[in-house]
Amino acid sequence: MGLTFPASAGYQRCLRGLYRVQAAKPEGETAPMPAPIRPRRSVLFMPGSNPRALEKARALPADALIFDLEDAVAPEAKETARAAIAAAVTAGGYAPRELVLRVNPIDTVWGHADLATAATLPIGAVLLPKVENAERVRLTLELLDALGAPPELAVWCMIETPLGVLAAADIAAASPCIGALVLGTSDLANDLHARPARDRLPLLTALGLVLLAARAHGRAVLDGVHLDLADAEGFAAACRQGRELGFDGKTLIHPDQIAPANAIFAPSVEEVARASRLIAAYAAANASGKGAARFEGRLIEALHVDEAQRTLALADAIAAREAS
């Protein structure tokens, strides 16, 4: 059975964005075009109440920046931070980084004003905190539509509570506007009463459930932050674990975390070379009428080729990102 969505105004806004992308296809092309891979190895939270940080971010090699109006900003500084972010983003200079605005929940006194600002800014997505059900997503999309947000504006969802983890599949399926699920591991560990552990064993069930939900519905998925800034080895281990699990990248809280995240979540030279060899080996086998091939001692099929092609596409996207 296929997914069904309510024919709401917010949903229609998202479809307009998808149709606009399809309209950009080369003339005569009829096959659907997969969404291009976008590197999200390093996604840095930037407190909106820190003008110096907003300025410095223009020169940081992060793949994406999350301008934060929620946890990183004290209540008395919310209005000032919103204005500072709006001025900084409008002034520009952040390309080619992907820009995201984390807003306050819509049931707070700041939430609607945050969304109104997001609707006017040249950003790629709005990040919703503590999402626990699909209805919150749909309500937010209705508000963004009423506020005149462009159809291309995506919504990212923070999954940072036990309820959010258990509802992750419904949240991921709530709308075609959902661009990513983002783990909030600090809040989640607190709610679970979990003890700190380098192997993150207390969180593995939640990490797996959110990964499954994201991949089942074609969404990007980002691992949570590492709070111990003095523990570079632990941070690198968490990045390696996140990549092995299948995360696209990691959310960060300090610029020093960007370089190791970029390195660990990128295909290595050896991985790129192996992917090219695998694709060539399968093509040779396919040309001789075989649907599978033996490659470096292992059986490979079309699914392995798909992943190898994804590896090459990600490497190309990273190279283009770093050259711009």
Protein backbone atom coordinates (compact mmCIF):
# COMPACT_ATOMS: atom_id res chain seq x y z
CA MET A 1 0.00 0.00 0.00
CA GLY A 2 1.39 3.44 -0.93
CA LEU A 3 1.68 6.38 1.42
CA THR A 4 -1.15 8.90 1.45
CA PHE A 5 -0.93 12.50 2.59
CA PRO A 6 -3.63 15.04 3.39
CA ALA A 7 -4.24 17.44 0.54
CA SER A 8 -3.44 20.41 2.76
CA ALA A 9 -2.10 23.76 1.68
CA GLY A 10 1.26 22.97 3.27
CA TYR A 11 1.43 19.66 1.41
CA GLN A 12 0.56 21.37 -1.87
CA ARG A 13 3.33 23.92 -1.22
CA CYS A 14 5.82 21.05 -0.96
CA LEU A 15 4.54 19.48 -4.17
CA ARG A 16 5.01 22.78 -5.97
CA GLY A 17 8.63 22.70 -4.89
CA LEU A 18 9.04 19.14 -6.18
CA TYR A 19 7.37 20.01 -9.49
CA ARG A 20 9.68 23.00 -9.88
CA VAL A 21 12.69 20.71 -9.57
CA GLN A 22 11.19 18.26 -12.09
CA ALA A 23 10.51 21.14 -14.48
CA ALA A 24 14.24 21.82 -14.58
CA LYS A 25 14.97 18.43 -16.22
CA PRO A 26 16.57 18.44 -19.69
CA GLU A 27 14.07 18.57 -22.55
CA GLY A 28 12.87 15.15 -23.61
CA GLU A 29 13.87 13.39 -20.40
CA THR A 30 11.03 11.38 -18.94
CA ALA A 31 12.64 9.20 -16.24
CA PRO A 32 12.42 10.64 -12.74
CA MET A 33 15.64 12.25 -11.58
CA PRO A 34 16.96 11.21 -8.16
CA ALA A 35 17.70 14.02 -5.77
CA PRO A 36 21.36 15.03 -6.03
CA ILE A 37 23.55 13.97 -3.14
CA ARG A 38 24.43 16.87 -0.90
CA PRO A 39 27.33 16.53 1.55
CA ARG A 40 26.19 16.90 5.15
CA ARG A 41 29.28 15.55 6.85
CA SER A 42 29.58 18.48 9.25
CA VAL A 43 26.51 20.42 10.40
CA LEU A 44 27.48 23.14 12.86
CA PHE A 45 25.09 24.74 15.35
CA MET A 46 25.62 28.51 15.49
CA PRO A 47 24.09 30.44 18.43
CA GLY A 48 22.07 33.33 17.05
CA SER A 49 22.98 35.46 20.05
CA ASN A 50 26.70 35.46 19.14
CA PRO A 51 27.38 38.01 16.36
CA ARG A 52 31.07 37.09 16.27
CA ALA A 53 30.21 33.44 15.61
CA LEU A 54 27.77 34.41 12.85
CA GLU A 55 30.53 36.40 11.14
CA LYS A 56 33.16 33.69 11.60
CA ALA A 57 30.87 31.05 10.11
CA ARG A 58 31.30 32.55 6.64
CA ALA A 59 34.85 31.16 6.55
CA LEU A 60 34.30 27.77 8.21
CA PRO A 61 34.52 24.59 6.08
CA ALA A 62 31.29 23.10 7.45
CA ASP A 63 28.92 21.56 4.93
CA ALA A 64 25.93 23.12 6.70
CA LEU A 65 25.17 25.70 9.37
CA ILE A 66 22.23 25.60 11.77
CA PHE A 67 21.46 29.09 13.03
CA ASP A 68 20.02 28.40 16.45
CA LEU A 69 17.20 30.30 18.10
CA GLU A 70 16.28 27.57 20.56
CA ASP A 71 18.56 25.89 23.13
CA ALA A 72 21.59 28.09 22.51
CA VAL A 73 19.72 31.36 23.13
CA ALA A 74 18.47 32.62 26.51
CA PRO A 75 14.81 33.72 26.64
CA GLU A 76 15.69 37.39 27.04
CA ALA A 77 17.93 37.23 23.94
CA LYS A 78 15.51 35.49 21.54
CA GLU A 79 14.24 38.61 19.76
CA THR A 80 17.72 40.09 19.34
CA ALA A 81 19.10 36.79 18.10
CA ARG A 82 16.33 36.45 15.52
CA ALA A 83 17.09 39.90 14.14
CA ALA A 84 20.84 39.19 14.11
CA ILE A 85 20.40 35.95 12.17
CA ALA A 86 18.06 37.60 9.68
CA ALA A 87 20.56 40.39 9.06
CA ALA A 88 23.50 38.01 8.72
CA VAL A 89 21.75 35.60 6.33
CA THR A 90 20.33 38.44 4.24
CA ALA A 91 23.82 39.96 3.95
CA GLY A 92 25.04 36.67 2.48
CA GLY A 93 28.53 35.29 2.20
CA TYR A 94 27.69 31.78 3.45
CA ALA A 95 27.61 29.94 0.13
CA PRO A 96 28.06 27.10 -0.65
CA ARG A 97 27.07 26.02 2.85
CA GLU A 98 23.55 24.73 3.40
CA LEU A 99 21.71 27.06 5.77
CA VAL A 100 19.14 25.93 8.32
CA LEU A 101 17.25 27.86 11.00
CA ARG A 102 16.37 26.06 14.22
CA VAL A 103 13.22 27.69 15.51
CA ASN A 104 11.54 27.58 18.88
CA PRO A 105 8.52 25.27 19.26
CA ILE A 106 5.33 26.72 17.81
CA ASP A 107 3.62 26.50 21.19
CA THR A 108 6.06 29.02 22.69
CA VAL A 109 5.79 32.81 22.54
CA TRP A 110 8.63 32.91 19.97
CA GLY A 111 7.65 30.08 17.65
CA HIS A 112 5.36 31.87 15.19
CA ALA A 113 7.69 34.85 14.84
CA ASP A 114 10.60 32.46 14.19
CA LEU A 115 8.65 30.79 11.38
CA ALA A 116 7.65 34.14 9.94
CA THR A 117 11.32 35.08 9.74
CA ALA A 118 12.28 31.71 8.26
CA ALA A 119 9.68 32.16 5.51
CA THR A 120 11.48 35.27 4.26
CA LEU A 121 15.13 34.16 4.46
CA PRO A 122 17.31 32.54 1.75
CA ILE A 123 17.74 29.29 3.69
CA GLY A 124 17.32 25.66 2.78
CA ALA A 125 15.41 24.34 5.76
CA VAL A 126 13.71 25.00 9.07
CA LEU A 127 14.73 22.71 11.93
CA LEU A 128 11.91 21.87 14.34
CA PRO A 129 12.93 20.95 17.90
CA LYS A 130 11.59 18.01 19.90
CA VAL A 131 9.23 16.67 17.25
CA GLU A 132 7.12 13.86 18.70
CA ASN A 133 4.35 13.37 16.16
CA ALA A 134 3.50 13.91 12.52
CA GLU A 135 0.75 16.38 13.36
CA ARG A 136 3.31 18.89 14.62
CA VAL A 137 5.05 18.69 11.26
CA ARG A 138 1.84 19.19 9.30
CA LEU A 139 0.79 22.12 11.47
CA THR A 140 4.16 23.77 10.95
CA LEU A 141 3.86 23.33 7.19
CA GLU A 142 0.41 24.94 7.25
CA LEU A 143 1.86 27.91 9.11
CA LEU A 144 4.80 28.23 6.72
CA ASP A 145 2.39 28.15 3.78
CA ALA A 146 0.24 30.87 5.35
CA LEU A 147 3.37 32.93 5.93
CA GLY A 148 4.34 32.73 2.25
CA ALA A 149 7.32 30.40 2.56
CA PRO A 150 8.80 29.29 -0.79
CA PRO A 151 7.91 25.77 -1.93
CA GLU A 152 11.57 24.71 -1.83
CA LEU A 153 11.88 25.35 1.90
CA ALA A 154 12.39 21.98 3.61
CA VAL A 155 11.62 20.97 7.16
CA TRP A 156 14.12 19.06 9.29
CA CYS A 157 12.95 17.36 12.47
CA MET A 158 14.85 16.96 15.73
CA ILE A 159 14.22 13.53 17.24
CA GLU A 160 15.33 13.94 20.84
CA THR A 161 12.77 12.29 23.13
CA PRO A 162 11.56 8.72 23.61
CA LEU A 163 8.20 9.65 22.06
CA GLY A 164 9.96 11.16 19.08
CA VAL A 165 12.02 8.01 18.53
CA LEU A 166 8.94 5.79 18.70
CA ALA A 167 7.12 8.08 16.22
CA ALA A 168 10.09 8.57 13.89
CA ALA A 169 8.58 6.60 11.02
CA ASP A 170 5.34 8.60 11.12
CA ILE A 171 7.32 11.84 11.32
CA ALA A 172 9.52 10.90 8.36
CA ALA A 173 6.41 10.06 6.32
CA ALA A 174 4.46 13.18 7.33
CA SER A 175 5.23 15.19 4.19
CA PRO A 176 7.45 15.28 1.10
CA CYS A 177 8.85 18.48 2.60
CA ILE A 178 10.74 16.51 5.26
CA GLY A 179 14.41 16.83 4.36
CA ALA A 180 16.17 15.24 7.32
CA LEU A 181 15.83 13.68 10.73
CA VAL A 182 18.34 14.97 13.27
CA LEU A 183 19.18 13.06 16.43
CA GLY A 184 19.17 15.04 19.66
CA THR A 185 21.21 12.56 21.65
CA SER A 186 21.86 14.79 24.67
CA ASP A 187 18.18 15.29 25.52
CA LEU A 188 17.43 11.69 24.63
CA ALA A 189 20.12 10.30 26.94
CA ASN A 190 18.80 12.50 29.72
CA ASP A 191 15.23 11.28 29.23
CA LEU A 192 16.43 7.66 29.18
CA HIS A 193 18.48 8.17 32.38
CA ALA A 194 21.34 6.66 30.39
CA ARG A 195 24.89 6.70 31.70
CA PRO A 196 27.63 8.21 29.53
CA ALA A 197 29.40 5.51 27.51
CA ARG A 198 32.01 5.89 24.80
CA ASP A 199 30.44 3.09 22.75
CA ARG A 200 27.01 4.81 23.10
CA LEU A 201 25.48 1.41 23.79
CA PRO A 202 22.52 2.94 25.71
CA LEU A 203 21.57 4.91 22.58
CA LEU A 204 22.04 2.29 19.88
CA THR A 205 18.41 1.18 19.81
CA ALA A 206 17.23 4.76 19.33
CA LEU A 207 19.90 5.49 16.73
CA GLY A 208 18.86 2.41 14.78
CA LEU A 209 15.15 3.19 14.90
CA VAL A 210 15.64 6.73 13.61
CA LEU A 211 18.00 5.51 10.89
CA LEU A 212 15.43 2.95 9.78
CA ALA A 213 12.67 5.57 9.71
CA ALA A 214 14.77 8.01 7.69
CA ARG A 215 15.96 5.49 5.13
CA ALA A 216 12.51 3.89 4.76
CA HIS A 217 11.19 7.25 3.58
CA GLY A 218 14.22 8.55 1.68
CA ARG A 219 15.29 11.18 4.20
CA ALA A 220 18.75 12.32 5.21
CA VAL A 221 19.69 11.52 8.80
CA LEU A 222 22.23 13.22 11.06
CA ASP A 223 23.89 11.96 14.22
CA GLY A 224 23.77 13.94 17.47
CA VAL A 225 26.38 16.22 19.01
CA HIS A 226 29.43 15.25 21.07
CA LEU A 227 29.55 17.48 24.12
CA ASP A 228 33.06 16.76 25.49
CA LEU A 229 35.19 19.24 23.56
CA ALA A 230 38.37 18.00 25.26
CA ASP A 231 37.77 14.42 24.08
CA ALA A 232 38.98 14.51 20.48
CA GLU A 233 39.52 10.74 20.41
CA GLY A 234 36.00 10.10 21.68
CA PHE A 235 34.57 12.48 19.09
CA ALA A 236 36.41 10.71 16.26
CA ALA A 237 35.17 7.35 17.57
CA ALA A 238 31.58 8.62 17.61
CA CYS A 239 31.96 9.87 14.03
CA ARG A 240 33.33 6.51 12.88
CA GLN A 241 30.49 4.71 14.63
CA GLY A 242 27.93 7.06 13.09
CA ARG A 243 29.27 6.50 9.60
CA GLU A 244 29.38 2.73 10.08
CA LEU A 245 25.74 2.81 11.20
CA GLY A 246 24.74 4.78 8.11
CA PHE A 247 24.42 8.42 9.18
CA ASP A 248 25.06 11.10 6.54
CA GLY A 249 27.01 13.28 8.96
CA LYS A 250 27.15 14.69 12.45
CA THR A 251 25.83 17.80 14.14
CA LEU A 252 28.59 19.81 15.80
CA ILE A 253 28.96 22.39 18.54
CA HIS A 254 32.46 23.74 17.90
CA PRO A 255 34.50 24.63 14.78
CA ASP A 256 37.31 22.32 15.91
CA GLN A 257 35.00 19.39 15.22
CA ILE A 258 34.52 20.26 11.54
CA ALA A 259 37.74 18.84 10.08
CA PRO A 260 37.55 15.39 11.68
CA ALA A 261 33.85 15.07 10.81
CA ASN A 262 34.53 16.05 7.21
CA ALA A 263 37.32 13.49 6.95
CA ILE A 264 35.49 10.59 8.58
CA PHE A 265 32.16 11.01 6.79
CA ALA A 266 33.81 11.37 3.37
CA PRO A 267 34.72 8.40 1.15
CA SER A 268 38.45 7.71 1.38
CA VAL A 269 40.69 7.56 -1.69
CA GLU A 270 40.74 3.78 -1.31
CA GLU A 271 36.92 3.60 -1.11
CA VAL A 272 36.54 5.70 -4.26
CA ALA A 273 39.03 3.55 -6.16
CA ARG A 274 37.33 0.35 -5.01
CA ALA A 275 33.91 1.70 -6.02
CA SER A 276 35.19 2.43 -9.53
CA ARG A 277 36.68 -1.06 -9.83
CA LEU A 278 33.47 -2.66 -8.60
CA ILE A 279 31.33 -0.80 -11.12
CA ALA A 280 33.68 -1.80 -13.94
CA ALA A 281 33.71 -5.45 -12.84
CA TYR A 282 29.93 -5.62 -12.70
CA ALA A 283 29.59 -3.91 -16.09
CA ALA A 284 31.93 -6.51 -17.62
CA ALA A 285 29.94 -9.36 -16.08
CA ASN A 286 26.66 -7.79 -17.18
CA ALA A 287 27.95 -7.47 -20.74
CA SER A 288 28.53 -11.23 -20.80
CA GLY A 289 24.97 -11.87 -19.66
CA LYS A 290 25.64 -12.37 -15.95
CA GLY A 291 23.51 -10.73 -13.26
CA ALA A 292 26.18 -11.16 -10.59
CA ALA A 293 29.96 -11.11 -10.53
CA ARG A 294 32.88 -12.16 -8.38
CA PHE A 295 34.82 -9.12 -7.26
CA GLU A 296 37.88 -9.32 -5.03
CA GLY A 297 36.66 -12.61 -3.63
CA ARG A 298 33.08 -11.49 -2.97
CA LEU A 299 29.82 -11.87 -4.87
CA ILE A 300 28.43 -8.54 -6.10
CA GLU A 301 25.02 -7.70 -7.53
CA ALA A 302 23.16 -4.59 -8.69
CA LEU A 303 22.63 -3.40 -5.11
CA HIS A 304 26.39 -3.22 -4.59
CA VAL A 305 26.71 -1.19 -7.77
CA ASP A 306 24.08 1.24 -6.50
CA GLU A 307 26.07 1.83 -3.32
CA ALA A 308 29.32 2.19 -5.28
CA GLN A 309 27.70 4.77 -7.54
CA ARG A 310 26.49 6.62 -4.45
CA THR A 311 30.06 6.61 -3.11
CA LEU A 312 31.36 8.17 -6.32
CA ALA A 313 28.53 10.72 -6.41
CA LEU A 314 29.24 11.75 -2.82
CA ALA A 315 32.97 12.06 -3.54
CA ASP A 316 32.20 14.25 -6.58
CA ALA A 317 29.81 16.42 -4.56
CA ILE A 318 32.43 16.91 -1.84
CA ALA A 319 35.07 17.81 -4.42
CA ALA A 320 32.72 20.35 -6.00
CA ARG A 321 31.84 21.76 -2.58
CA GLU A 322 35.50 22.18 -1.62
CA ALA A 323 36.40 23.73 -4.98
CA SER A 324 33.73 26.43 -4.75
